[in-house]
């Protein structure tokens, strides 16, 4: 067995773990890059995002499920990751547990154990940090006349800084085969929504005043990120690739004020500003007090369940286009035959959609909103795209058992991967 030497960044409650790396083989699409080496030439890198729905209903449940190694859903999502075999993967809806315990258990008991005949996969490096989900705001943020401050109580999530019935629910984690540059990680958990110039703060439809859904006192504590925004630099054989991770709030579960839709727009806008050097990103300040965004020429990949489709669904019309149309971003448009098939078989709202169904990444209710493109891997233009796909098997594929039909054996989202060539 490999020995793990743990290092903890106390301010972030983040973990980076070192073990011996082992070569693995991808079973879905072209082979991913080998583990880090001393190559002087370009490196082929598979980067993925996966909302794996491993969130649980109470604190401690995820740790309990991951401790046994026998949880069926965890085994299924682990097999999906093993078969896609990304070098870097963002996990959304993975409850935050201090000291990275959940990430360690998921790696030890699921990813590093063969699932369904797939080859085990090892991720020597992981990053986790706190999420705004389930943190009590102390205010009546949904304006229903009741302020709920007791975790797990009805309505608690609506009054929390990010929706969650307990602190850390719906968190996220980054796993990597390549070293994470811990000292250079930036988090933006505490950045206030009001501090974004031109923020789309919601209006109370019952008043004539602008941007007054939230009181000045509420805006003094209201954070932009429903979970967090992370800049996680990764050393890919001497080249730094910034993993820009987030999970904007769904643009639903609100009223005519569209508070969640507007927040979703601005959470997506944050990365559009961050990757734009100069005045556009000058307002941004991270949790350590450092200002500004990425420098010109820095390589990045924007990852996450953005909860926004370019053409369909309930997001603000231009929300995801802020990234898709950005001059520094490449949209490789990952597709799958399974998504196209599902749109036809399920019908309903899917039949009215404007977008190409083969681009869908999430299997939502057929009545509304239907299946959507919600999950994205968006590299900077200096990173050459070699291939891309959505892990969504057709019904005749033996691997359909991993995604299935509702109630899903894994998640209502699909893993999305892009193969990139990184030059030294």
Protein backbone atom coordinates (compact mmCIF):
# COMPACT_ATOMS: atom_id res chain seq x y z
CA UNK A 1 0.00 0.00 0.00
CA UNK A 2 1.11 3.55 -0.69
CA UNK A 3 1.84 5.84 2.22
CA UNK A 4 -0.04 9.10 2.27
CA UNK A 5 1.63 12.23 3.60
CA UNK A 6 -1.08 14.74 4.47
CA UNK A 7 -0.69 18.51 4.38
CA UNK A 8 -3.54 20.78 5.53
CA UNK A 9 -4.08 24.44 4.71
CA UNK A 10 -5.90 25.46 7.88
CA UNK A 11 -7.35 28.73 6.57
CA UNK A 12 -9.17 26.89 3.80
CA UNK A 13 -9.60 23.54 5.52
CA UNK A 14 -8.18 22.25 2.24
CA UNK A 15 -6.28 19.03 1.65
CA UNK A 16 -3.59 17.98 -0.77
CA UNK A 17 -2.57 14.35 -0.43
CA UNK A 18 0.52 12.71 -1.91
CA UNK A 19 0.66 9.08 -2.95
CA UNK A 20 2.42 7.14 -5.68
CA UNK A 21 0.76 7.71 -9.05
CA UNK A 22 -0.28 4.78 -11.22
CA UNK A 23 -1.08 4.67 -14.91
CA UNK A 24 -4.73 4.04 -15.72
CA UNK A 25 -6.67 3.43 -18.91
CA UNK A 26 -9.79 5.29 -19.99
CA UNK A 27 -12.73 3.15 -21.02
CA UNK A 28 -14.82 6.01 -22.45
CA UNK A 29 -13.25 7.67 -25.46
CA UNK A 30 -9.55 8.29 -26.13
CA UNK A 31 -7.05 7.49 -23.42
CA UNK A 32 -6.36 10.18 -20.86
CA UNK A 33 -2.85 11.39 -20.20
CA UNK A 34 -0.44 9.29 -18.19
CA UNK A 35 0.31 10.48 -14.66
CA UNK A 36 2.87 13.29 -14.24
CA UNK A 37 6.30 12.68 -15.63
CA UNK A 38 9.38 14.51 -16.86
CA UNK A 39 8.27 14.97 -20.46
CA UNK A 40 9.56 18.09 -22.14
CA UNK A 41 6.96 18.07 -24.90
CA UNK A 42 3.22 18.80 -24.77
CA UNK A 43 0.98 16.98 -22.31
CA UNK A 44 -2.41 15.57 -23.19
CA UNK A 45 -4.81 16.31 -20.35
CA UNK A 46 -8.38 15.16 -19.80
CA UNK A 47 -10.41 17.58 -17.67
CA UNK A 48 -13.93 16.82 -16.47
CA UNK A 49 -16.80 18.13 -14.41
CA UNK A 50 -19.38 15.91 -12.73
CA UNK A 51 -22.36 16.88 -10.60
CA UNK A 52 -22.54 13.44 -9.00
CA UNK A 53 -25.42 14.17 -6.57
CA UNK A 54 -23.56 12.75 -3.56
CA UNK A 55 -25.12 15.40 -1.35
CA UNK A 56 -26.91 13.99 1.66
CA UNK A 57 -29.83 15.12 3.85
CA UNK A 58 -27.96 15.53 7.14
CA UNK A 59 -24.44 16.14 8.41
CA UNK A 60 -22.38 12.97 8.70
CA UNK A 61 -24.42 10.94 6.22
CA UNK A 62 -21.92 11.27 3.39
CA UNK A 63 -19.03 10.17 5.59
CA UNK A 64 -21.07 7.19 6.78
CA UNK A 65 -21.88 6.20 3.19
CA UNK A 66 -18.31 6.56 2.00
CA UNK A 67 -16.80 4.71 4.96
CA UNK A 68 -18.33 1.35 4.08
CA UNK A 69 -17.29 1.08 0.45
CA UNK A 70 -20.68 -0.50 -0.23
CA UNK A 71 -22.93 2.46 -1.04
CA UNK A 72 -24.53 1.67 -4.39
CA UNK A 73 -24.78 5.25 -5.64
CA UNK A 74 -21.18 6.04 -4.67
CA UNK A 75 -20.00 2.87 -6.44
CA UNK A 76 -21.91 3.90 -9.57
CA UNK A 77 -20.59 7.46 -9.79
CA UNK A 78 -17.10 6.15 -9.03
CA UNK A 79 -17.37 3.73 -11.95
CA UNK A 80 -18.39 6.58 -14.24
CA UNK A 81 -15.25 8.48 -13.19
CA UNK A 82 -13.12 5.38 -13.64
CA UNK A 83 -14.43 4.80 -17.16
CA UNK A 84 -14.00 8.43 -18.21
CA UNK A 85 -10.63 8.53 -16.41
CA UNK A 86 -10.06 12.30 -16.29
CA UNK A 87 -6.76 13.71 -15.07
CA UNK A 88 -8.57 16.53 -13.27
CA UNK A 89 -12.20 16.39 -12.20
CA UNK A 90 -14.47 18.81 -10.36
CA UNK A 91 -17.10 17.13 -8.20
CA UNK A 92 -20.26 19.19 -7.62
CA UNK A 93 -22.87 18.30 -4.99
CA UNK A 94 -20.26 16.63 -2.80
CA UNK A 95 -20.92 17.72 0.79
CA UNK A 96 -18.08 19.66 2.41
CA UNK A 97 -16.48 17.83 5.33
CA UNK A 98 -13.60 19.51 7.22
CA UNK A 99 -10.07 18.19 6.71
CA UNK A 100 -11.05 16.58 3.40
CA UNK A 101 -12.31 13.41 5.07
CA UNK A 102 -15.07 12.77 2.52
CA UNK A 103 -12.67 13.23 -0.41
CA UNK A 104 -10.22 10.80 1.20
CA UNK A 105 -12.91 8.19 1.80
CA UNK A 106 -14.25 8.52 -1.75
CA UNK A 107 -10.77 7.98 -3.15
CA UNK A 108 -9.78 5.16 -0.78
CA UNK A 109 -12.99 3.13 -0.80
CA UNK A 110 -14.46 3.80 -4.23
CA UNK A 111 -12.18 5.34 -6.85
CA UNK A 112 -9.15 3.21 -5.95
CA UNK A 113 -11.26 0.03 -5.96
CA UNK A 114 -12.48 -1.48 -9.24
CA UNK A 115 -16.17 -0.79 -9.79
CA UNK A 116 -18.09 -2.93 -12.28
CA UNK A 117 -14.88 -4.23 -13.82
CA UNK A 118 -13.44 -0.78 -14.53
CA UNK A 119 -9.81 -0.04 -13.71
CA UNK A 120 -9.26 1.78 -10.40
CA UNK A 121 -8.12 5.39 -10.68
CA UNK A 122 -5.86 7.28 -8.28
CA UNK A 123 -5.95 11.01 -7.62
CA UNK A 124 -2.92 11.90 -5.45
CA UNK A 125 -4.09 15.49 -5.02
CA UNK A 126 -7.36 16.94 -3.80
CA UNK A 127 -8.66 20.38 -2.90
CA UNK A 128 -11.71 21.08 -0.76
CA UNK A 129 -12.79 24.24 1.03
CA UNK A 130 -15.90 25.53 2.82
CA UNK A 131 -19.10 26.36 0.97
CA UNK A 132 -21.64 29.12 1.59
CA UNK A 133 -24.40 26.52 1.46
CA UNK A 134 -26.25 26.09 4.73
CA UNK A 135 -24.56 29.01 6.51
CA UNK A 136 -27.23 30.93 8.42
CA UNK A 137 -27.56 34.54 7.26
CA UNK A 138 -29.63 35.71 10.23
CA UNK A 139 -32.06 37.37 7.81
CA UNK A 140 -35.33 36.59 6.05
CA UNK A 141 -33.76 36.33 2.60
CA UNK A 142 -36.84 34.90 0.87
CA UNK A 143 -39.06 37.64 2.38
CA UNK A 144 -41.74 35.26 3.62
CA UNK A 145 -41.93 36.97 7.02
CA UNK A 146 -40.01 34.26 8.90
CA UNK A 147 -36.28 34.16 9.62
CA UNK A 148 -35.11 30.57 10.04
CA UNK A 149 -31.75 30.03 11.76
CA UNK A 150 -31.97 26.39 12.86
CA UNK A 151 -30.26 23.92 10.49
CA UNK A 152 -32.53 21.23 9.03
CA UNK A 153 -35.66 23.22 10.01
CA UNK A 154 -38.21 23.84 7.23
CA UNK A 155 -37.23 26.95 5.27
CA UNK A 156 -33.69 27.09 6.65
CA UNK A 157 -32.07 26.70 3.23
CA UNK A 158 -33.96 29.66 1.76
CA UNK A 159 -32.56 31.98 4.44
CA UNK A 160 -29.01 30.62 4.29
CA UNK A 161 -26.22 32.40 2.41
CA UNK A 162 -26.39 29.59 -0.15
CA UNK A 163 -29.22 27.07 -0.30
CA UNK A 164 -28.55 24.14 2.02
CA UNK A 165 -30.23 22.59 5.01
CA UNK A 166 -26.91 22.32 6.86
CA UNK A 167 -23.50 23.88 6.48
CA UNK A 168 -21.55 22.42 3.56
CA UNK A 169 -24.42 20.59 1.86
CA UNK A 170 -24.00 20.63 -1.94
CA UNK A 171 -20.29 21.46 -1.62
CA UNK A 172 -17.58 20.58 -4.12
CA UNK A 173 -14.10 19.08 -4.49
CA UNK A 174 -11.30 19.06 -7.07
CA UNK A 175 -9.37 15.82 -7.64
CA UNK A 176 -6.16 15.77 -9.68
CA UNK A 177 -3.42 13.43 -10.87
CA UNK A 178 -1.14 16.45 -11.14
CA UNK A 179 0.15 18.57 -8.24
CA UNK A 180 -2.09 21.33 -6.95
CA UNK A 181 -0.14 24.52 -6.23
CA UNK A 182 -1.63 25.00 -2.78
CA UNK A 183 0.14 28.25 -1.99
CA UNK A 184 -1.38 29.89 -5.07
CA UNK A 185 -5.00 28.74 -4.62
CA UNK A 186 -7.50 31.60 -4.42
CA UNK A 187 -11.01 31.30 -3.00
CA UNK A 188 -13.82 33.85 -3.24
CA UNK A 189 -16.32 32.46 -0.76
CA UNK A 190 -16.77 35.76 1.09
CA UNK A 191 -16.99 38.14 -1.87
CA UNK A 192 -20.18 40.22 -1.50
CA UNK A 193 -22.69 40.37 -4.33
CA UNK A 194 -23.11 44.14 -3.91
CA UNK A 195 -19.38 44.64 -4.56
CA UNK A 196 -19.74 43.52 -8.20
CA UNK A 197 -20.11 46.68 -10.31
CA UNK A 198 -23.46 46.66 -12.06
CA UNK A 199 -24.66 43.64 -10.10
CA UNK A 200 -28.15 42.42 -11.08
CA UNK A 201 -29.59 42.80 -7.59
CA UNK A 202 -33.28 41.85 -7.54
CA UNK A 203 -36.18 44.27 -7.22
CA UNK A 204 -39.13 43.74 -4.92
CA UNK A 205 -42.08 43.67 -7.37
CA UNK A 206 -44.33 45.17 -4.67
CA UNK A 207 -42.34 48.43 -4.50
CA UNK A 208 -41.14 51.06 -6.94
CA UNK A 209 -37.61 51.20 -5.55
CA UNK A 210 -34.83 49.52 -7.56
CA UNK A 211 -32.74 46.61 -6.25
CA UNK A 212 -34.63 46.52 -2.95
CA UNK A 213 -35.49 42.83 -2.52
CA UNK A 214 -32.61 42.68 -0.06
CA UNK A 215 -32.20 45.38 2.57
CA UNK A 216 -28.89 47.28 2.94
CA UNK A 217 -28.22 45.22 6.08
CA UNK A 218 -28.78 41.98 4.17
CA UNK A 219 -26.54 43.09 1.31
CA UNK A 220 -23.78 43.76 3.82
CA UNK A 221 -23.59 40.00 4.45
CA UNK A 222 -24.99 38.52 1.22
CA UNK A 223 -22.25 36.71 -0.69
CA UNK A 224 -22.19 36.37 -4.45
CA UNK A 225 -21.27 32.68 -4.50
CA UNK A 226 -24.02 30.26 -3.57
CA UNK A 227 -21.23 27.72 -2.91
CA UNK A 228 -17.86 29.32 -3.67
CA UNK A 229 -15.60 30.26 -6.55
CA UNK A 230 -12.14 28.67 -6.57
CA UNK A 231 -9.02 29.29 -8.63
CA UNK A 232 -7.03 26.07 -8.17
CA UNK A 233 -3.72 26.18 -10.10
CA UNK A 234 -2.41 22.78 -11.20
CA UNK A 235 1.17 22.04 -12.26
CA UNK A 236 0.92 20.03 -15.49
CA UNK A 237 4.51 18.96 -16.15
CA UNK A 238 5.79 22.46 -15.56
CA UNK A 239 2.86 24.37 -17.08
CA UNK A 240 0.28 25.96 -14.79
CA UNK A 241 -3.40 25.46 -15.64
CA UNK A 242 -5.87 27.36 -13.47
CA UNK A 243 -8.91 25.24 -12.62
CA UNK A 244 -11.75 27.75 -12.15
CA UNK A 245 -14.40 25.86 -10.21
CA UNK A 246 -17.91 26.93 -9.21
CA UNK A 247 -21.54 25.78 -9.03
CA UNK A 248 -23.93 28.73 -9.52
CA UNK A 249 -27.36 28.53 -7.95
CA UNK A 250 -30.25 27.14 -10.05
CA UNK A 251 -32.26 29.99 -11.64
CA UNK A 252 -35.51 28.67 -10.15
CA UNK A 253 -37.22 28.25 -6.75
CA UNK A 254 -37.96 31.99 -6.52
CA UNK A 255 -40.69 34.41 -7.62
CA UNK A 256 -41.16 37.29 -10.07
CA UNK A 257 -38.17 39.07 -8.51
CA UNK A 258 -36.00 36.29 -10.06
CA UNK A 259 -33.47 36.51 -7.25
CA UNK A 260 -31.96 33.11 -8.03
CA UNK A 261 -31.90 33.71 -11.78
CA UNK A 262 -30.11 37.04 -11.32
CA UNK A 263 -27.65 35.55 -8.86
CA UNK A 264 -26.94 32.70 -11.29
CA UNK A 265 -26.18 35.28 -14.00
CA UNK A 266 -23.74 37.16 -11.79
CA UNK A 267 -22.06 34.01 -10.47
CA UNK A 268 -21.34 33.11 -14.10
CA UNK A 269 -20.31 36.69 -14.86
CA UNK A 270 -17.71 36.49 -12.07
CA UNK A 271 -15.54 34.12 -14.13
CA UNK A 272 -16.09 36.16 -17.30
CA UNK A 273 -14.71 39.17 -15.44
CA UNK A 274 -11.97 37.18 -13.71
CA UNK A 275 -10.43 35.99 -16.98
CA UNK A 276 -10.55 39.52 -18.46
CA UNK A 277 -7.37 41.42 -17.53
CA UNK A 278 -7.58 45.08 -16.62
CA UNK A 279 -10.53 47.13 -15.35
CA UNK A 280 -13.11 44.36 -15.80
CA UNK A 281 -11.52 42.22 -13.05
CA UNK A 282 -10.00 44.95 -10.90
CA UNK A 283 -12.90 44.94 -8.44
CA UNK A 284 -12.45 41.26 -7.53
CA UNK A 285 -10.90 40.51 -4.15
CA UNK A 286 -10.23 37.00 -2.88
CA UNK A 287 -10.65 35.71 0.68
CA UNK A 288 -7.01 36.60 1.48
CA UNK A 289 -7.46 40.21 0.33
CA UNK A 290 -5.63 39.89 -3.01
CA UNK A 291 -7.25 41.92 -5.77
CA UNK A 292 -7.64 41.30 -9.50
CA UNK A 293 -8.12 38.37 -11.83
CA UNK A 294 -5.98 36.25 -14.11
CA UNK A 295 -3.03 37.77 -15.93
CA UNK A 296 -2.90 37.89 -19.74
CA UNK A 297 -1.70 34.61 -21.19
CA UNK A 298 -2.46 32.44 -18.16
CA UNK A 299 -4.06 29.10 -19.05
CA UNK A 300 -7.36 28.10 -17.45
CA UNK A 301 -10.31 25.74 -17.61
CA UNK A 302 -13.71 26.86 -16.28
CA UNK A 303 -15.49 23.89 -14.73
CA UNK A 304 -18.83 23.26 -13.13
CA UNK A 305 -22.55 22.83 -13.18
CA UNK A 306 -23.42 26.37 -14.29
CA UNK A 307 -27.18 25.73 -14.16
CA UNK A 308 -27.64 27.68 -17.39
CA UNK A 309 -28.46 26.51 -20.91
CA UNK A 310 -27.64 28.74 -23.92
CA UNK A 311 -31.15 28.47 -25.38
CA UNK A 312 -33.59 26.73 -23.05
CA UNK A 313 -34.58 26.65 -19.39
CA UNK A 314 -35.09 29.46 -16.89
CA UNK A 315 -31.70 31.19 -16.72
CA UNK A 316 -31.27 34.84 -17.68
CA UNK A 317 -31.05 34.82 -21.47
CA UNK A 318 -27.40 35.88 -21.76
CA UNK A 319 -26.13 34.15 -18.60
CA UNK A 320 -23.97 31.36 -20.02
CA UNK A 321 -23.17 33.34 -23.18
CA UNK A 322 -20.98 35.52 -20.98
CA UNK A 323 -18.56 32.58 -21.05
CA UNK A 324 -19.40 30.86 -24.35
CA UNK A 325 -18.88 34.09 -26.30
CA UNK A 326 -15.85 35.28 -24.33
CA UNK A 327 -12.81 35.93 -26.56
CA UNK A 328 -10.52 33.95 -24.25
CA UNK A 329 -12.76 30.84 -24.09
CA UNK A 330 -13.13 27.83 -26.38
CA UNK A 331 -16.45 25.99 -26.39
CA UNK A 332 -15.64 22.49 -27.62
CA UNK A 333 -19.34 21.58 -27.48
CA UNK A 334 -19.14 18.08 -25.93
CA UNK A 335 -21.93 15.82 -27.21
CA UNK A 336 -23.44 12.38 -26.72
CA UNK A 337 -25.78 10.10 -28.61
CA UNK A 338 -27.47 9.25 -25.32
CA UNK A 339 -28.66 12.81 -24.78
CA UNK A 340 -30.10 13.03 -28.29
CA UNK A 341 -31.89 9.71 -27.81
CA UNK A 342 -33.27 10.74 -24.40
CA UNK A 343 -34.77 13.92 -25.83
CA UNK A 344 -36.82 11.89 -28.33
CA UNK A 345 -37.79 9.10 -25.95
CA UNK A 346 -38.82 11.43 -23.12
CA UNK A 347 -40.58 14.03 -25.23
CA UNK A 348 -42.46 16.67 -23.24
CA UNK A 349 -40.63 19.97 -22.93
CA UNK A 350 -37.71 18.53 -24.86
CA UNK A 351 -39.75 18.71 -28.06
CA UNK A 352 -40.01 22.50 -27.75
CA UNK A 353 -36.33 23.18 -27.08
CA UNK A 354 -34.24 25.32 -29.41
CA UNK A 355 -30.85 23.89 -28.48
CA UNK A 356 -29.21 20.79 -29.95
CA UNK A 357 -30.27 17.95 -27.61
CA UNK A 358 -26.98 16.09 -28.18
CA UNK A 359 -25.33 18.84 -26.11
CA UNK A 360 -27.54 18.23 -23.06
CA UNK A 361 -25.78 17.24 -19.85
CA UNK A 362 -28.66 17.01 -17.36
CA UNK A 363 -31.77 14.82 -17.39
CA UNK A 364 -34.44 17.01 -15.80
CA UNK A 365 -38.21 16.62 -15.55
CA UNK A 366 -39.86 16.04 -18.93
CA UNK A 367 -42.73 18.46 -18.21
CA UNK A 368 -40.41 21.37 -17.37
CA UNK A 369 -37.68 22.33 -17.94
CA UNK A 370 -36.75 19.18 -19.89
CA UNK A 371 -33.15 18.11 -20.45
CA UNK A 372 -30.61 20.93 -20.56
CA UNK A 373 -26.98 21.74 -21.17
CA UNK A 374 -25.96 22.74 -17.65
CA UNK A 375 -22.42 21.39 -17.11
CA UNK A 376 -19.36 22.88 -18.80
CA UNK A 377 -15.65 22.39 -19.39
CA UNK A 378 -14.45 25.62 -21.00
CA UNK A 379 -10.70 25.92 -21.66
CA UNK A 380 -8.71 29.02 -22.55
CA UNK A 381 -7.92 29.38 -26.24
CA UNK A 382 -4.22 28.62 -25.78
CA UNK A 383 -5.11 25.04 -24.78
CA UNK A 384 -5.72 22.97 -27.90
CA UNK A 385 -8.92 20.90 -27.78
CA UNK A 386 -8.31 17.32 -28.99
CA UNK A 387 -11.66 15.71 -28.17
CA UNK A 388 -14.73 16.18 -25.99
CA UNK A 389 -17.81 14.23 -24.96
CA UNK A 390 -20.63 13.80 -22.47
CA UNK A 391 -20.81 10.44 -20.66
CA UNK A 392 -24.41 9.64 -21.61
CA UNK A 393 -24.73 6.10 -23.06
CA UNK A 394 -27.65 5.15 -25.25
CA UNK A 395 -30.21 2.65 -23.97
CA UNK A 396 -28.56 -0.17 -25.96
CA UNK A 397 -25.11 0.50 -24.54
CA UNK A 398 -24.11 -1.88 -21.69
CA UNK A 399 -22.97 1.19 -19.72
CA UNK A 400 -26.50 2.64 -19.76
CA UNK A 401 -26.88 0.93 -16.39
CA UNK A 402 -24.66 3.69 -14.93
CA UNK A 403 -26.91 6.60 -15.97
CA UNK A 404 -30.26 4.87 -16.47
CA UNK A 405 -33.67 6.45 -16.23
CA UNK A 406 -35.39 8.20 -13.32
CA UNK A 407 -34.88 7.42 -10.46
CA UNK A 408 -31.27 7.57 -11.57
CA UNK A 409 -28.70 5.10 -10.21
CA UNK A 410 -26.05 7.83 -10.21
CA UNK A 411 -27.11 11.42 -10.86
CA UNK A 412 -29.46 13.52 -12.95
CA UNK A 413 -26.32 15.11 -14.41
CA UNK A 414 -23.74 13.54 -16.71
CA UNK A 415 -19.97 13.71 -16.53
CA UNK A 416 -18.53 16.04 -19.19
CA UNK A 417 -14.90 15.75 -20.34
CA UNK A 418 -12.57 17.58 -22.70
CA UNK A 419 -9.15 16.43 -23.86
CA UNK A 420 -6.62 19.25 -24.05
CA UNK A 421 -3.03 19.56 -25.21
CA UNK A 422 -0.92 21.62 -22.82
CA UNK A 423 2.33 22.99 -24.21
CA UNK A 424 5.31 23.64 -21.92
